Amino acid sequence: MARIPIQQFAKQVRAEALKVTWPSRKETLVTTGMVFVMVILCSLFFVLVDVFFTWAAHFVIGVGG
C-alpha cells in the first residue's frame, strides 16, 4: 500500500467531510419518533409471544407461571 503525505491525506479528509449532508431537525425528529414507535411495537409483540408460550407450556405440561 502506497503511503501518501499527511497534508494530502488531510486535504482528502476535508474534501470528503464537505460532502456529508446532515438531516434536518424535522427529519431527525420524525426518524427518532419512528424508532420509538417500532421499539414499543416490538416490545409488545415479544411480551405477547412470551405470555402465549408461558400459557401454552402451563396448559400442556403444567409447568410455568
N, C-alpha and C. Protein backbone atom coordinates (compact mmCIF):
# COMPACT_ATOMS: atom_id res chain seq x y z
N MET A 1 0.84 -1.17 0.00
CA MET A 1 0.00 0.00 0.00
C MET A 1 0.89 1.24 0.00
N ALA A 2 0.62 2.14 -0.92
CA ALA A 2 1.42 3.35 -1.03
C ALA A 2 1.06 4.33 0.09
N ARG A 3 2.07 4.97 0.62
CA ARG A 3 1.84 5.97 1.66
C ARG A 3 1.71 7.34 1.01
N ILE A 4 0.77 8.14 1.52
CA ILE A 4 0.61 9.49 1.00
C ILE A 4 1.01 10.48 2.09
N PRO A 5 1.46 11.65 1.68
CA PRO A 5 1.84 12.66 2.69
C PRO A 5 0.64 13.07 3.54
N ILE A 6 0.92 13.42 4.79
CA ILE A 6 -0.14 13.77 5.73
C ILE A 6 -0.95 14.97 5.24
N GLN A 7 -0.32 15.92 4.56
CA GLN A 7 -1.04 17.09 4.06
C GLN A 7 -2.07 16.68 3.00
N GLN A 8 -1.68 15.77 2.12
CA GLN A 8 -2.60 15.30 1.09
C GLN A 8 -3.74 14.51 1.74
N PHE A 9 -3.42 13.69 2.74
CA PHE A 9 -4.45 12.93 3.45
C PHE A 9 -5.45 13.88 4.10
N ALA A 10 -4.95 14.91 4.79
CA ALA A 10 -5.83 15.89 5.45
C ALA A 10 -6.71 16.60 4.43
N LYS A 11 -6.15 16.92 3.27
CA LYS A 11 -6.92 17.58 2.21
C LYS A 11 -8.05 16.67 1.73
N GLN A 12 -7.75 15.38 1.55
CA GLN A 12 -8.77 14.43 1.11
C GLN A 12 -9.85 14.23 2.17
N VAL A 13 -9.45 14.19 3.43
CA VAL A 13 -10.43 14.04 4.51
C VAL A 13 -11.36 15.23 4.54
N ARG A 14 -10.80 16.43 4.40
CA ARG A 14 -11.63 17.65 4.40
C ARG A 14 -12.60 17.64 3.22
N ALA A 15 -12.12 17.22 2.04
CA ALA A 15 -12.98 17.18 0.86
C ALA A 15 -14.14 16.20 1.07
N GLU A 16 -13.86 15.05 1.66
CA GLU A 16 -14.92 14.08 1.93
C GLU A 16 -15.89 14.59 3.00
N ALA A 17 -15.36 15.25 4.02
CA ALA A 17 -16.22 15.78 5.08
C ALA A 17 -17.18 16.83 4.55
N LEU A 18 -16.75 17.59 3.56
CA LEU A 18 -17.63 18.61 2.98
C LEU A 18 -18.77 17.99 2.16
N LYS A 19 -18.64 16.74 1.77
CA LYS A 19 -19.68 16.05 1.00
C LYS A 19 -20.81 15.51 1.89
N VAL A 20 -20.59 15.50 3.19
CA VAL A 20 -21.58 14.94 4.11
C VAL A 20 -22.79 15.86 4.18
N THR A 21 -23.97 15.26 4.07
CA THR A 21 -25.21 16.04 4.24
C THR A 21 -25.89 15.57 5.51
N TRP A 22 -26.24 16.52 6.34
CA TRP A 22 -26.88 16.21 7.62
C TRP A 22 -28.38 16.31 7.47
N PRO A 23 -29.13 15.46 8.17
CA PRO A 23 -30.59 15.56 8.11
C PRO A 23 -31.06 16.84 8.81
N SER A 24 -32.21 17.30 8.36
CA SER A 24 -32.79 18.49 9.00
C SER A 24 -33.31 18.12 10.39
N ARG A 25 -33.64 19.13 11.16
CA ARG A 25 -34.19 18.88 12.50
C ARG A 25 -35.48 18.07 12.42
N LYS A 26 -36.32 18.41 11.43
CA LYS A 26 -37.60 17.70 11.27
C LYS A 26 -37.36 16.23 10.92
N GLU A 27 -36.44 15.98 9.99
CA GLU A 27 -36.15 14.59 9.62
C GLU A 27 -35.62 13.80 10.81
N THR A 28 -34.78 14.43 11.62
CA THR A 28 -34.23 13.76 12.80
C THR A 28 -35.34 13.43 13.80
N LEU A 29 -36.24 14.37 14.04
CA LEU A 29 -37.34 14.13 14.99
C LEU A 29 -38.29 13.05 14.48
N VAL A 30 -38.61 13.08 13.19
CA VAL A 30 -39.50 12.06 12.62
C VAL A 30 -38.87 10.68 12.71
N THR A 31 -37.60 10.58 12.36
CA THR A 31 -36.91 9.29 12.41
C THR A 31 -36.81 8.79 13.84
N THR A 32 -36.50 9.67 14.78
CA THR A 32 -36.43 9.28 16.19
C THR A 32 -37.79 8.79 16.69
N GLY A 33 -38.85 9.49 16.31
CA GLY A 33 -40.20 9.07 16.68
C GLY A 33 -40.53 7.70 16.12
N MET A 34 -40.14 7.45 14.87
CA MET A 34 -40.41 6.15 14.26
C MET A 34 -39.65 5.04 14.99
N VAL A 35 -38.43 5.33 15.42
CA VAL A 35 -37.67 4.33 16.16
C VAL A 35 -38.36 4.01 17.48
N PHE A 36 -38.81 5.03 18.20
CA PHE A 36 -39.51 4.79 19.47
C PHE A 36 -40.78 3.97 19.26
N VAL A 37 -41.54 4.28 18.23
CA VAL A 37 -42.78 3.54 17.94
C VAL A 37 -42.46 2.08 17.63
N MET A 38 -41.43 1.83 16.82
CA MET A 38 -41.07 0.45 16.49
C MET A 38 -40.57 -0.31 17.71
N VAL A 39 -39.83 0.35 18.59
CA VAL A 39 -39.36 -0.31 19.82
C VAL A 39 -40.55 -0.71 20.67
N ILE A 40 -41.53 0.17 20.81
CA ILE A 40 -42.73 -0.13 21.61
C ILE A 40 -43.51 -1.28 20.98
N LEU A 41 -43.70 -1.24 19.64
CA LEU A 41 -44.45 -2.30 18.98
C LEU A 41 -43.73 -3.65 19.10
N CYS A 42 -42.43 -3.65 18.90
CA CYS A 42 -41.68 -4.91 19.02
C CYS A 42 -41.71 -5.43 20.45
N SER A 43 -41.62 -4.53 21.41
CA SER A 43 -41.69 -4.94 22.82
C SER A 43 -43.03 -5.59 23.13
N LEU A 44 -44.10 -4.96 22.67
CA LEU A 44 -45.44 -5.53 22.89
C LEU A 44 -45.57 -6.89 22.22
N PHE A 45 -45.07 -7.02 21.01
CA PHE A 45 -45.14 -8.29 20.30
C PHE A 45 -44.43 -9.39 21.10
N PHE A 46 -43.20 -9.11 21.55
CA PHE A 46 -42.45 -10.14 22.27
C PHE A 46 -43.06 -10.44 23.64
N VAL A 47 -43.66 -9.46 24.29
CA VAL A 47 -44.35 -9.74 25.55
C VAL A 47 -45.54 -10.66 25.29
N LEU A 48 -46.30 -10.38 24.23
CA LEU A 48 -47.45 -11.24 23.92
C LEU A 48 -47.01 -12.65 23.54
N VAL A 49 -45.94 -12.79 22.78
CA VAL A 49 -45.43 -14.12 22.43
C VAL A 49 -44.99 -14.85 23.69
N ASP A 50 -44.30 -14.15 24.58
CA ASP A 50 -43.84 -14.76 25.84
C ASP A 50 -45.03 -15.21 26.69
N VAL A 51 -46.04 -14.37 26.80
CA VAL A 51 -47.23 -14.72 27.58
C VAL A 51 -47.92 -15.94 26.96
N PHE A 52 -48.02 -15.96 25.63
CA PHE A 52 -48.66 -17.09 24.96
C PHE A 52 -47.91 -18.39 25.24
N PHE A 53 -46.58 -18.37 25.06
CA PHE A 53 -45.82 -19.61 25.27
C PHE A 53 -45.80 -20.03 26.74
N THR A 54 -45.82 -19.07 27.64
CA THR A 54 -45.92 -19.41 29.06
C THR A 54 -47.25 -20.09 29.34
N TRP A 55 -48.32 -19.52 28.79
CA TRP A 55 -49.65 -20.11 28.97
C TRP A 55 -49.70 -21.50 28.34
N ALA A 56 -49.14 -21.64 27.11
CA ALA A 56 -49.17 -22.93 26.42
C ALA A 56 -48.40 -23.99 27.19
N ALA A 57 -47.23 -23.63 27.72
CA ALA A 57 -46.44 -24.60 28.50
C ALA A 57 -47.20 -24.99 29.76
N HIS A 58 -47.81 -24.04 30.42
CA HIS A 58 -48.57 -24.34 31.63
C HIS A 58 -49.77 -25.23 31.30
N PHE A 59 -50.44 -24.94 30.19
CA PHE A 59 -51.61 -25.72 29.79
C PHE A 59 -51.24 -27.14 29.39
N VAL A 60 -50.15 -27.31 28.64
CA VAL A 60 -49.78 -28.62 28.10
C VAL A 60 -49.11 -29.49 29.15
N ILE A 61 -48.13 -28.97 29.86
CA ILE A 61 -47.38 -29.83 30.78
C ILE A 61 -47.44 -29.38 32.24
N GLY A 62 -48.22 -28.37 32.49
CA GLY A 62 -48.39 -27.93 33.87
C GLY A 62 -47.14 -27.29 34.48
N VAL A 63 -46.26 -26.72 33.64
CA VAL A 63 -45.04 -26.08 34.12
C VAL A 63 -45.10 -24.60 33.75
N GLY A 64 -44.64 -23.77 34.64
CA GLY A 64 -44.61 -22.34 34.34
C GLY A 64 -45.64 -21.60 35.14
N GLY A 65 -45.64 -20.30 34.95
CA GLY A 65 -46.42 -19.45 35.81
C GLY A 65 -47.75 -19.12 35.36
